[in-house]
Amino acid sequence: MNVFSLLSGLCFCFLMACNTTSTPADETTSAPLVKQTSITDNQTAKMATPPAIKMDSLIETTHLMGKFDPLKDSDFIEIDIQYADRPGQLLHKETYAAFIRMYEAAEKAGIKLIIKSATRNFSAQKAIWEGKWNGQRLLEGNINAAKKIPDPVQRALKILEYSSMPGTSRHHWGTDIDFNAFVNSYFEKGQGKKEYEWLVANAATFGFCQPYTHKGTARPDGYNEEKWHWSYLPLAKRLSDQYKIRLTNADISGFDGAETATQIDIIKKYVFGINHQCL
């Protein structure tokens, strides 16, 4: 018996003992209680009605931060080599199905979309980030960030022009895909321009959006423009909404340079510093 049933029973017994009459609702039916006063009813309704549930219990925080192995997750699937530049890449099944539909439509228009990068979990992103942070990976082909940028915040900001901190990348979710090339100049002429123009005109039909558009008044924060990066919104929005509710800058940890996340305000400016059409 729940608390409300117990209280109803005690109240009934008390009223009977005082020789008063009452007609409680039958617990086994959906019949409404007899109204007594509107004030009491409103107060009771507020007390009895549970707050709106904002959390999606099916989404784990570890998944939002990429702290899982997509190879062992049944929601992820390996991308067929005909669609990718190398074997072993993975996407969320929903994203993959949408991508195939878009791929086939693009192919009919003479456009070939090749996946250069897809899901990257926390460990993969950590390797990229720390390689750049510690100087093993050069920035822009010739900049050793560890030697040339000693200030931690400035070094992080330089890396953040194109690379995410572990735990903050949309690539963790299996919703985001990098197509064809990793430089904007490829998409500004020739076949690359045709590919980009097709995506701009048609990707939304299949649920995809370019999160990192030109930076300016409309998008002052976040990563630099990435014409190759497209996100499957029906799933990505669900995940980003949960990210906003559950995580703070203090949660971004476990890698070299993580102490700068709070100083930079990484979640507001980078996780959500995206094209407003993709929010």
C-alpha atoms as a PDB file:
ATOM      1  CA  MET A   1       0.000   0.000   0.000  1.00  0.00           C
ATOM      2  CA  ASN A   2       1.396   3.420  -0.892  1.00  0.00           C
ATOM      3  CA  VAL A   3       1.565   6.425   1.437  1.00  0.00           C
ATOM      4  CA  PHE A   4      -1.476   8.125  -0.054  1.00  0.00           C
ATOM      5  CA  SER A   5      -3.606   4.972   0.368  1.00  0.00           C
ATOM      6  CA  LEU A   6      -2.487   4.610   3.993  1.00  0.00           C
ATOM      7  CA  LEU A   7      -3.322   8.234   4.781  1.00  0.00           C
ATOM      8  CA  SER A   8      -6.698   7.877   3.071  1.00  0.00           C
ATOM      9  CA  GLY A   9      -7.465   4.815   5.193  1.00  0.00           C
ATOM     10  CA  LEU A  10      -6.525   6.520   8.465  1.00  0.00           C
ATOM     11  CA  CYS A  11      -8.550   9.567   7.573  1.00  0.00           C
ATOM     12  CA  PHE A  12     -11.559   7.354   6.769  1.00  0.00           C
ATOM     13  CA  CYS A  13     -11.312   5.565  10.125  1.00  0.00           C
ATOM     14  CA  PHE A  14     -11.071   8.860  11.976  1.00  0.00           C
ATOM     15  CA  LEU A  15     -14.097  10.276  10.236  1.00  0.00           C
ATOM     16  CA  MET A  16     -16.136   7.138  10.919  1.00  0.00           C
ATOM     17  CA  ALA A  17     -15.221   7.320  14.594  1.00  0.00           C
ATOM     18  CA  CYS A  18     -16.591  10.845  14.737  1.00  0.00           C
ATOM     19  CA  ASN A  19     -19.889   9.693  13.167  1.00  0.00           C
ATOM     20  CA  THR A  20     -19.267  11.650   9.978  1.00  0.00           C
ATOM     21  CA  THR A  21     -19.668  10.293   6.470  1.00  0.00           C
ATOM     22  CA  SER A  22     -17.139  10.161   3.661  1.00  0.00           C
ATOM     23  CA  THR A  23     -16.902   8.468   0.303  1.00  0.00           C
ATOM     24  CA  PRO A  24     -13.246   7.843  -0.576  1.00  0.00           C
ATOM     25  CA  ALA A  25     -12.408   6.942  -4.117  1.00  0.00           C
ATOM     26  CA  ASP A  26     -11.875   3.259  -4.832  1.00  0.00           C
ATOM     27  CA  GLU A  27      -8.101   2.607  -5.100  1.00  0.00           C
ATOM     28  CA  THR A  28      -8.730   0.108  -7.879  1.00  0.00           C
ATOM     29  CA  THR A  29     -10.498   2.609 -10.134  1.00  0.00           C
ATOM     30  CA  SER A  30      -9.550   5.869 -11.789  1.00  0.00           C
ATOM     31  CA  ALA A  31     -12.575   7.707 -10.358  1.00  0.00           C
ATOM     32  CA  PRO A  32     -11.643  11.224  -9.202  1.00  0.00           C
ATOM     33  CA  LEU A  33     -11.861  12.252  -5.554  1.00  0.00           C
ATOM     34  CA  VAL A  34     -14.897  14.350  -4.624  1.00  0.00           C
ATOM     35  CA  LYS A  35     -13.880  18.016  -4.656  1.00  0.00           C
ATOM     36  CA  GLN A  36     -13.959  19.806  -1.289  1.00  0.00           C
ATOM     37  CA  THR A  37     -12.324  23.200  -1.837  1.00  0.00           C
ATOM     38  CA  SER A  38     -10.389  24.466  -4.811  1.00  0.00           C
ATOM     39  CA  ILE A  39      -7.537  25.736  -2.634  1.00  0.00           C
ATOM     40  CA  THR A  40      -7.016  22.362  -0.994  1.00  0.00           C
ATOM     41  CA  ASP A  41      -7.227  20.582  -4.321  1.00  0.00           C
ATOM     42  CA  ASN A  42      -4.661  22.842  -5.917  1.00  0.00           C
ATOM     43  CA  GLN A  43      -2.267  22.472  -2.999  1.00  0.00           C
ATOM     44  CA  THR A  44      -2.699  18.693  -2.986  1.00  0.00           C
ATOM     45  CA  ALA A  45      -2.178  18.510  -6.729  1.00  0.00           C
ATOM     46  CA  LYS A  46       1.084  20.425  -6.436  1.00  0.00           C
ATOM     47  CA  MET A  47       2.277  18.126  -3.678  1.00  0.00           C
ATOM     48  CA  ALA A  48       1.198  14.914  -5.375  1.00  0.00           C
ATOM     49  CA  THR A  49       2.351  15.750  -8.920  1.00  0.00           C
ATOM     50  CA  PRO A  50       6.006  14.724  -9.429  1.00  0.00           C
ATOM     51  CA  PRO A  51       8.355  17.262 -11.016  1.00  0.00           C
ATOM     52  CA  ALA A  52       8.974  16.980 -14.750  1.00  0.00           C
ATOM     53  CA  ILE A  53      11.754  14.509 -15.481  1.00  0.00           C
ATOM     54  CA  LYS A  54      14.472  16.219 -17.487  1.00  0.00           C
ATOM     55  CA  MET A  55      17.063  13.472 -17.332  1.00  0.00           C
ATOM     56  CA  ASP A  56      17.136  10.779 -20.001  1.00  0.00           C
ATOM     57  CA  SER A  57      17.882   7.705 -17.920  1.00  0.00           C
ATOM     58  CA  LEU A  58      18.879   5.738 -21.016  1.00  0.00           C
ATOM     59  CA  ILE A  59      21.904   7.965 -21.634  1.00  0.00           C
ATOM     60  CA  GLU A  60      24.906   7.410 -19.388  1.00  0.00           C
ATOM     61  CA  THR A  61      27.230  10.262 -18.482  1.00  0.00           C
ATOM     62  CA  THR A  62      30.184   8.095 -19.457  1.00  0.00           C
ATOM     63  CA  HIS A  63      28.767   7.911 -22.993  1.00  0.00           C
ATOM     64  CA  LEU A  64      28.337  11.678 -23.152  1.00  0.00           C
ATOM     65  CA  MET A  65      32.046  12.022 -22.355  1.00  0.00           C
ATOM     66  CA  GLY A  66      33.205   9.188 -24.593  1.00  0.00           C
ATOM     67  CA  LYS A  67      34.348   7.045 -21.682  1.00  0.00           C
ATOM     68  CA  PHE A  68      33.319   3.734 -23.198  1.00  0.00           C
ATOM     69  CA  ASP A  69      34.451   1.278 -25.856  1.00  0.00           C
ATOM     70  CA  PRO A  70      32.227   1.610 -28.957  1.00  0.00           C
ATOM     71  CA  LEU A  71      33.471  -1.794 -30.152  1.00  0.00           C
ATOM     72  CA  LYS A  72      31.636  -3.332 -27.200  1.00  0.00           C
ATOM     73  CA  ASP A  73      28.513  -1.190 -27.538  1.00  0.00           C
ATOM     74  CA  SER A  74      25.638  -2.767 -29.456  1.00  0.00           C
ATOM     75  CA  ASP A  75      24.446   0.674 -30.617  1.00  0.00           C
ATOM     76  CA  PHE A  76      27.580   1.101 -32.714  1.00  0.00           C
ATOM     77  CA  ILE A  77      28.425  -0.524 -36.023  1.00  0.00           C
ATOM     78  CA  GLU A  78      31.566  -0.717 -38.143  1.00  0.00           C
ATOM     79  CA  ILE A  79      31.492   1.357 -41.308  1.00  0.00           C
ATOM     80  CA  ASP A  80      31.793  -0.644 -44.523  1.00  0.00           C
ATOM     81  CA  ILE A  81      35.091   0.114 -46.230  1.00  0.00           C
ATOM     82  CA  GLN A  82      33.295   1.295 -49.380  1.00  0.00           C
ATOM     83  CA  TYR A  83      32.226   4.388 -47.419  1.00  0.00           C
ATOM     84  CA  ALA A  84      35.481   5.098 -45.580  1.00  0.00           C
ATOM     85  CA  ASP A  85      39.146   5.781 -46.205  1.00  0.00           C
ATOM     86  CA  ARG A  86      40.234   3.004 -43.835  1.00  0.00           C
ATOM     87  CA  PRO A  87      38.725  -0.001 -42.039  1.00  0.00           C
ATOM     88  CA  GLY A  88      37.725  -0.146 -38.380  1.00  0.00           C
ATOM     89  CA  GLN A  89      35.782   3.092 -38.072  1.00  0.00           C
ATOM     90  CA  LEU A  90      32.464   3.093 -36.221  1.00  0.00           C
ATOM     91  CA  LEU A  91      29.230   5.083 -36.051  1.00  0.00           C
ATOM     92  CA  HIS A  92      26.053   4.913 -34.039  1.00  0.00           C
ATOM     93  CA  LYS A  93      23.587   2.763 -35.969  1.00  0.00           C
ATOM     94  CA  GLU A  94      21.084   5.638 -36.350  1.00  0.00           C
ATOM     95  CA  THR A  95      23.761   7.903 -37.793  1.00  0.00           C
ATOM     96  CA  TYR A  96      25.033   5.189 -40.101  1.00  0.00           C
ATOM     97  CA  ALA A  97      21.581   4.487 -41.555  1.00  0.00           C
ATOM     98  CA  ALA A  98      21.046   8.197 -42.224  1.00  0.00           C
ATOM     99  CA  PHE A  99      24.499   8.520 -43.748  1.00  0.00           C
ATOM    100  CA  ILE A 100      23.876   5.670 -46.195  1.00  0.00           C
ATOM    101  CA  ARG A 101      20.684   7.359 -47.379  1.00  0.00           C
ATOM    102  CA  MET A 102      22.591  10.594 -47.885  1.00  0.00           C
ATOM    103  CA  TYR A 103      25.507   8.812 -49.556  1.00  0.00           C
ATOM    104  CA  GLU A 104      23.214   7.181 -52.108  1.00  0.00           C
ATOM    105  CA  ALA A 105      21.486  10.468 -52.908  1.00  0.00           C
ATOM    106  CA  ALA A 106      24.838  12.238 -53.272  1.00  0.00           C
ATOM    107  CA  GLU A 107      26.180   9.496 -55.532  1.00  0.00           C
ATOM    108  CA  LYS A 108      23.246   9.980 -57.903  1.00  0.00           C
ATOM    109  CA  ALA A 109      24.236  13.636 -58.127  1.00  0.00           C
ATOM    110  CA  GLY A 110      27.845  12.784 -58.924  1.00  0.00           C
ATOM    111  CA  ILE A 111      29.072  13.464 -55.379  1.00  0.00           C
ATOM    112  CA  LYS A 112      31.128  10.916 -53.444  1.00  0.00           C
ATOM    113  CA  LEU A 113      31.212  11.244 -49.654  1.00  0.00           C
ATOM    114  CA  ILE A 114      34.081   9.370 -48.020  1.00  0.00           C
ATOM    115  CA  ILE A 115      34.284   9.149 -44.228  1.00  0.00           C
ATOM    116  CA  LYS A 116      37.684  10.318 -43.002  1.00  0.00           C
ATOM    117  CA  SER A 117      36.852  10.180 -39.294  1.00  0.00           C
ATOM    118  CA  ALA A 118      33.841   9.052 -37.272  1.00  0.00           C
ATOM    119  CA  THR A 119      33.565   7.919 -33.643  1.00  0.00           C
ATOM    120  CA  ARG A 120      36.467   8.779 -31.363  1.00  0.00           C
ATOM    121  CA  ASN A 121      36.131   7.867 -27.701  1.00  0.00           C
ATOM    122  CA  PHE A 122      37.817   9.583 -24.748  1.00  0.00           C
ATOM    123  CA  SER A 123      41.017   7.548 -25.102  1.00  0.00           C
ATOM    124  CA  ALA A 124      41.379   8.322 -28.802  1.00  0.00           C
ATOM    125  CA  GLN A 125      40.742  12.015 -28.231  1.00  0.00           C
ATOM    126  CA  LYS A 126      43.168  12.045 -25.313  1.00  0.00           C
ATOM    127  CA  ALA A 127      45.916  10.685 -27.555  1.00  0.00           C
ATOM    128  CA  ILE A 128      45.286  13.471 -30.092  1.00  0.00           C
ATOM    129  CA  TRP A 129      45.055  16.198 -27.456  1.00  0.00           C
ATOM    130  CA  GLU A 130      48.086  15.174 -25.407  1.00  0.00           C
ATOM    131  CA  GLY A 131      50.149  14.668 -28.557  1.00  0.00           C
ATOM    132  CA  LYS A 132      49.527  18.318 -29.418  1.00  0.00           C
ATOM    133  CA  TRP A 133      49.791  19.523 -25.807  1.00  0.00           C
ATOM    134  CA  ASN A 134      53.182  17.877 -25.266  1.00  0.00           C
ATOM    135  CA  GLY A 135      54.625  18.663 -28.693  1.00  0.00           C
ATOM    136  CA  GLN A 136      54.669  15.216 -30.292  1.00  0.00           C
ATOM    137  CA  ARG A 137      52.071  16.422 -32.802  1.00  0.00           C
ATOM    138  CA  LEU A 138      52.929  19.719 -34.451  1.00  0.00           C
ATOM    139  CA  LEU A 139      50.242  22.362 -34.914  1.00  0.00           C
ATOM    140  CA  GLU A 140      49.815  23.732 -38.422  1.00  0.00           C
ATOM    141  CA  GLY A 141      52.634  21.445 -39.504  1.00  0.00           C
ATOM    142  CA  ASN A 142      55.456  23.229 -37.684  1.00  0.00           C
ATOM    143  CA  ILE A 143      54.397  24.540 -34.261  1.00  0.00           C
ATOM    144  CA  ASN A 144      55.572  22.661 -31.177  1.00  0.00           C
ATOM    145  CA  ALA A 145      52.953  23.952 -28.721  1.00  0.00           C
ATOM    146  CA  ALA A 146      54.822  22.723 -25.657  1.00  0.00           C
ATOM    147  CA  LYS A 147      57.900  24.786 -26.569  1.00  0.00           C
ATOM    148  CA  LYS A 148      56.381  27.806 -28.269  1.00  0.00           C
ATOM    149  CA  ILE A 149      53.311  28.355 -26.068  1.00  0.00           C
ATOM    150  CA  PRO A 150      54.311  27.944 -22.405  1.00  0.00           C
ATOM    151  CA  ASP A 151      51.168  29.581 -20.991  1.00  0.00           C
ATOM    152  CA  PRO A 152      48.670  26.735 -20.389  1.00  0.00           C
ATOM    153  CA  VAL A 153      45.516  28.676 -21.303  1.00  0.00           C
ATOM    154  CA  GLN A 154      47.019  30.091 -24.495  1.00  0.00           C
ATOM    155  CA  ARG A 155      48.328  26.661 -25.457  1.00  0.00           C
ATOM    156  CA  ALA A 156      44.895  25.110 -24.907  1.00  0.00           C
ATOM    157  CA  LEU A 157      43.210  27.854 -26.936  1.00  0.00           C
ATOM    158  CA  LYS A 158      45.609  27.246 -29.823  1.00  0.00           C
ATOM    159  CA  ILE A 159      44.888  23.503 -29.823  1.00  0.00           C
ATOM    160  CA  LEU A 160      41.172  24.246 -29.529  1.00  0.00           C
ATOM    161  CA  GLU A 161      41.178  25.967 -32.891  1.00  0.00           C
ATOM    162  CA  TYR A 162      40.576  22.537 -34.421  1.00  0.00           C
ATOM    163  CA  SER A 163      40.849  19.837 -31.721  1.00  0.00           C
ATOM    164  CA  SER A 164      38.545  19.094 -28.783  1.00  0.00           C
ATOM    165  CA  MET A 165      39.481  18.392 -25.205  1.00  0.00           C
ATOM    166  CA  PRO A 166      38.793  14.758 -24.273  1.00  0.00           C
ATOM    167  CA  GLY A 167      35.294  14.481 -22.861  1.00  0.00           C
ATOM    168  CA  THR A 168      33.959  17.376 -24.934  1.00  0.00           C
ATOM    169  CA  SER A 169      34.038  16.121 -28.533  1.00  0.00           C
ATOM    170  CA  ARG A 170      30.902  15.499 -30.564  1.00  0.00           C
ATOM    171  CA  HIS A 171      32.815  12.621 -32.127  1.00  0.00           C
ATOM    172  CA  HIS A 172      32.376  10.755 -28.829  1.00  0.00           C
ATOM    173  CA  TRP A 173      28.694  10.261 -29.619  1.00  0.00           C
ATOM    174  CA  GLY A 174      28.886   8.432 -32.935  1.00  0.00           C
ATOM    175  CA  THR A 175      26.811  11.217 -34.481  1.00  0.00           C
ATOM    176  CA  ASP A 176      29.502  13.248 -36.227  1.00  0.00           C
ATOM    177  CA  ILE A 177      31.400  12.561 -39.439  1.00  0.00           C
ATOM    178  CA  ASP A 178      34.360  14.177 -41.174  1.00  0.00           C
ATOM    179  CA  PHE A 179      34.106  13.964 -44.966  1.00  0.00           C
ATOM    180  CA  ASN A 180      36.712  13.886 -47.740  1.00  0.00           C
ATOM    181  CA  ALA A 181      39.400  16.285 -46.432  1.00  0.00           C
ATOM    182  CA  PHE A 182      40.593  18.076 -43.275  1.00  0.00           C
ATOM    183  CA  VAL A 183      41.298  21.486 -44.805  1.00  0.00           C
ATOM    184  CA  ASN A 184      38.761  24.141 -45.751  1.00  0.00           C
ATOM    185  CA  SER A 185      40.692  25.047 -48.898  1.00  0.00           C
ATOM    186  CA  TYR A 186      39.787  21.670 -50.441  1.00  0.00           C
ATOM    187  CA  PHE A 187      36.109  22.630 -50.318  1.00  0.00           C
ATOM    188  CA  GLU A 188      36.618  26.043 -51.889  1.00  0.00           C
ATOM    189  CA  LYS A 189      37.410  24.969 -55.455  1.00  0.00           C
ATOM    190  CA  GLY A 190      36.948  22.165 -57.957  1.00  0.00           C
ATOM    191  CA  GLN A 191      35.311  18.905 -56.891  1.00  0.00           C
ATOM    192  CA  GLY A 192      35.599  19.793 -53.223  1.00  0.00           C
ATOM    193  CA  LYS A 193      33.510  22.910 -53.768  1.00  0.00           C
ATOM    194  CA  LYS A 194      30.834  20.844 -55.533  1.00  0.00           C
ATOM    195  CA  GLU A 195      30.801  18.404 -52.611  1.00  0.00           C
ATOM    196  CA  TYR A 196      30.426  21.158 -50.033  1.00  0.00           C
ATOM    197  CA  GLU A 197      27.731  22.956 -52.001  1.00  0.00           C
ATOM    198  CA  TRP A 198      25.792  19.698 -52.284  1.00  0.00           C
ATOM    199  CA  LEU A 199      26.033  19.147 -48.537  1.00  0.00           C
ATOM    200  CA  VAL A 200      24.898  22.691 -47.762  1.00  0.00           C
ATOM    201  CA  ALA A 201      21.903  22.273 -50.078  1.00  0.00           C
ATOM    202  CA  ASN A 202      20.932  18.702 -49.179  1.00  0.00           C
ATOM    203  CA  ALA A 203      22.410  17.422 -45.886  1.00  0.00           C
ATOM    204  CA  ALA A 204      19.551  18.778 -43.766  1.00  0.00           C
ATOM    205  CA  THR A 205      17.120  16.582 -45.698  1.00  0.00           C
ATOM    206  CA  PHE A 206      18.882  13.587 -44.141  1.00  0.00           C
ATOM    207  CA  GLY A 207      19.209  15.119 -40.665  1.00  0.00           C
ATOM    208  CA  PHE A 208      22.773  16.464 -40.941  1.00  0.00           C
ATOM    209  CA  CYS A 209      24.032  19.915 -39.953  1.00  0.00           C
ATOM    210  CA  GLN A 210      27.441  21.632 -40.094  1.00  0.00           C
ATOM    211  CA  PRO A 211      28.185  22.569 -36.453  1.00  0.00           C
ATOM    212  CA  TYR A 212      31.357  24.574 -37.065  1.00  0.00           C
ATOM    213  CA  THR A 213      30.520  27.255 -39.584  1.00  0.00           C
ATOM    214  CA  HIS A 214      32.375  30.541 -40.142  1.00  0.00           C
ATOM    215  CA  LYS A 215      33.203  32.327 -36.884  1.00  0.00           C
ATOM    216  CA  GLY A 216      31.864  35.836 -36.543  1.00  0.00           C
ATOM    217  CA  THR A 217      28.979  37.738 -34.999  1.00  0.00           C
ATOM    218  CA  ALA A 218      26.579  34.806 -35.349  1.00  0.00           C
ATOM    219  CA  ARG A 219      29.081  32.338 -33.883  1.00  0.00           C
ATOM    220  CA  PRO A 220      31.747  34.148 -31.876  1.00  0.00           C
ATOM    221  CA  ASP A 221      32.982  31.175 -29.839  1.00  0.00           C
ATOM    222  CA  GLY A 222      34.140  27.631 -30.470  1.00  0.00           C
ATOM    223  CA  TYR A 223      36.327  25.857 -32.991  1.00  0.00           C
ATOM    224  CA  ASN A 224      37.332  27.351 -36.295  1.00  0.00           C
ATOM    225  CA  GLU A 225      35.212  26.600 -39.346  1.00  0.00           C
ATOM    226  CA  GLU A 226      35.253  22.955 -40.453  1.00  0.00           C
ATOM    227  CA  LYS A 227      33.532  22.439 -43.781  1.00  0.00           C
ATOM    228  CA  TRP A 228      34.203  18.707 -43.542  1.00  0.00           C
ATOM    229  CA  HIS A 229      32.431  18.141 -40.205  1.00  0.00           C
ATOM    230  CA  TRP A 230      28.722  17.190 -40.227  1.00  0.00           C
ATOM    231  CA  SER A 231      26.507  16.090 -37.357  1.00  0.00           C
ATOM    232  CA  TYR A 232      23.407  13.882 -37.332  1.00  0.00           C
ATOM    233  CA  LEU A 233      21.032  16.106 -35.378  1.00  0.00           C
ATOM    234  CA  PRO A 234      18.131  13.790 -34.414  1.00  0.00           C
ATOM    235  CA  LEU A 235      20.544  11.916 -32.154  1.00  0.00           C
ATOM    236  CA  ALA A 236      23.164  14.594 -31.461  1.00  0.00           C
ATOM    237  CA  LYS A 237      20.577  17.042 -30.116  1.00  0.00           C
ATOM    238  CA  ARG A 238      19.274  14.477 -27.645  1.00  0.00           C
ATOM    239  CA  LEU A 239      22.817  13.896 -26.412  1.00  0.00           C
ATOM    240  CA  SER A 240      23.814  17.558 -26.298  1.00  0.00           C
ATOM    241  CA  ASP A 241      20.665  18.415 -24.316  1.00  0.00           C
ATOM    242  CA  GLN A 242      21.702  15.847 -21.712  1.00  0.00           C
ATOM    243  CA  TYR A 243      25.288  17.101 -21.757  1.00  0.00           C
ATOM    244  CA  LYS A 244      24.076  20.583 -20.846  1.00  0.00           C
ATOM    245  CA  ILE A 245      22.066  19.257 -17.890  1.00  0.00           C
ATOM    246  CA  ARG A 246      24.573  16.811 -16.452  1.00  0.00           C
ATOM    247  CA  LEU A 247      28.084  18.142 -16.954  1.00  0.00           C
ATOM    248  CA  THR A 248      30.100  21.136 -15.803  1.00  0.00           C
ATOM    249  CA  ASN A 249      33.581  22.386 -16.615  1.00  0.00           C
ATOM    250  CA  ALA A 250      34.841  20.720 -13.430  1.00  0.00           C
ATOM    251  CA  ASP A 251      33.943  17.316 -14.897  1.00  0.00           C
ATOM    252  CA  ILE A 252      36.405  17.778 -17.751  1.00  0.00           C
ATOM    253  CA  SER A 253      39.482  16.022 -16.405  1.00  0.00           C
ATOM    254  CA  GLY A 254      41.850  13.101 -16.802  1.00  0.00           C
ATOM    255  CA  PHE A 255      44.320  14.501 -19.370  1.00  0.00           C
ATOM    256  CA  ASP A 256      47.223  16.936 -19.605  1.00  0.00           C
ATOM    257  CA  GLY A 257      46.006  20.530 -19.619  1.00  0.00           C
ATOM    258  CA  ALA A 258      42.577  19.703 -18.177  1.00  0.00           C
ATOM    259  CA  GLU A 259      43.034  22.409 -15.542  1.00  0.00           C
ATOM    260  CA  THR A 260      42.381  25.020 -18.251  1.00  0.00           C
ATOM    261  CA  ALA A 261      38.832  23.783 -18.954  1.00  0.00           C
ATOM    262  CA  THR A 262      37.219  25.909 -16.246  1.00  0.00           C
ATOM    263  CA  GLN A 263      39.326  28.980 -17.044  1.00  0.00           C
ATOM    264  CA  ILE A 264      38.284  28.772 -20.701  1.00  0.00           C
ATOM    265  CA  ASP A 265      34.641  27.872 -19.919  1.00  0.00           C
ATOM    266  CA  ILE A 266      34.990  24.927 -22.244  1.00  0.00           C
ATOM    267  CA  ILE A 267      31.398  23.700 -22.213  1.00  0.00           C
ATOM    268  CA  LYS A 268      29.713  27.014 -22.952  1.00  0.00           C
ATOM    269  CA  LYS A 269      32.235  28.262 -25.492  1.00  0.00           C
ATOM    270  CA  TYR A 270      33.195  25.045 -27.271  1.00  0.00           C
ATOM    271  CA  VAL A 271      30.683  22.253 -26.690  1.00  0.00           C
ATOM    272  CA  PHE A 272      27.872  24.743 -27.325  1.00  0.00           C
ATOM    273  CA  GLY A 273      29.784  27.315 -29.373  1.00  0.00           C
ATOM    274  CA  ILE A 274      28.272  25.890 -32.542  1.00  0.00           C
ATOM    275  CA  ASN A 275      26.091  26.866 -35.472  1.00  0.00           C
ATOM    276  CA  HIS A 276      22.737  27.815 -33.921  1.00  0.00           C
ATOM    277  CA  GLN A 277      20.941  25.705 -36.517  1.00  0.00           C
ATOM    278  CA  CYS A 278      22.605  22.660 -34.950  1.00  0.00           C
ATOM    279  CA  LEU A 279      21.512  23.387 -31.366  1.00  0.00           C
END
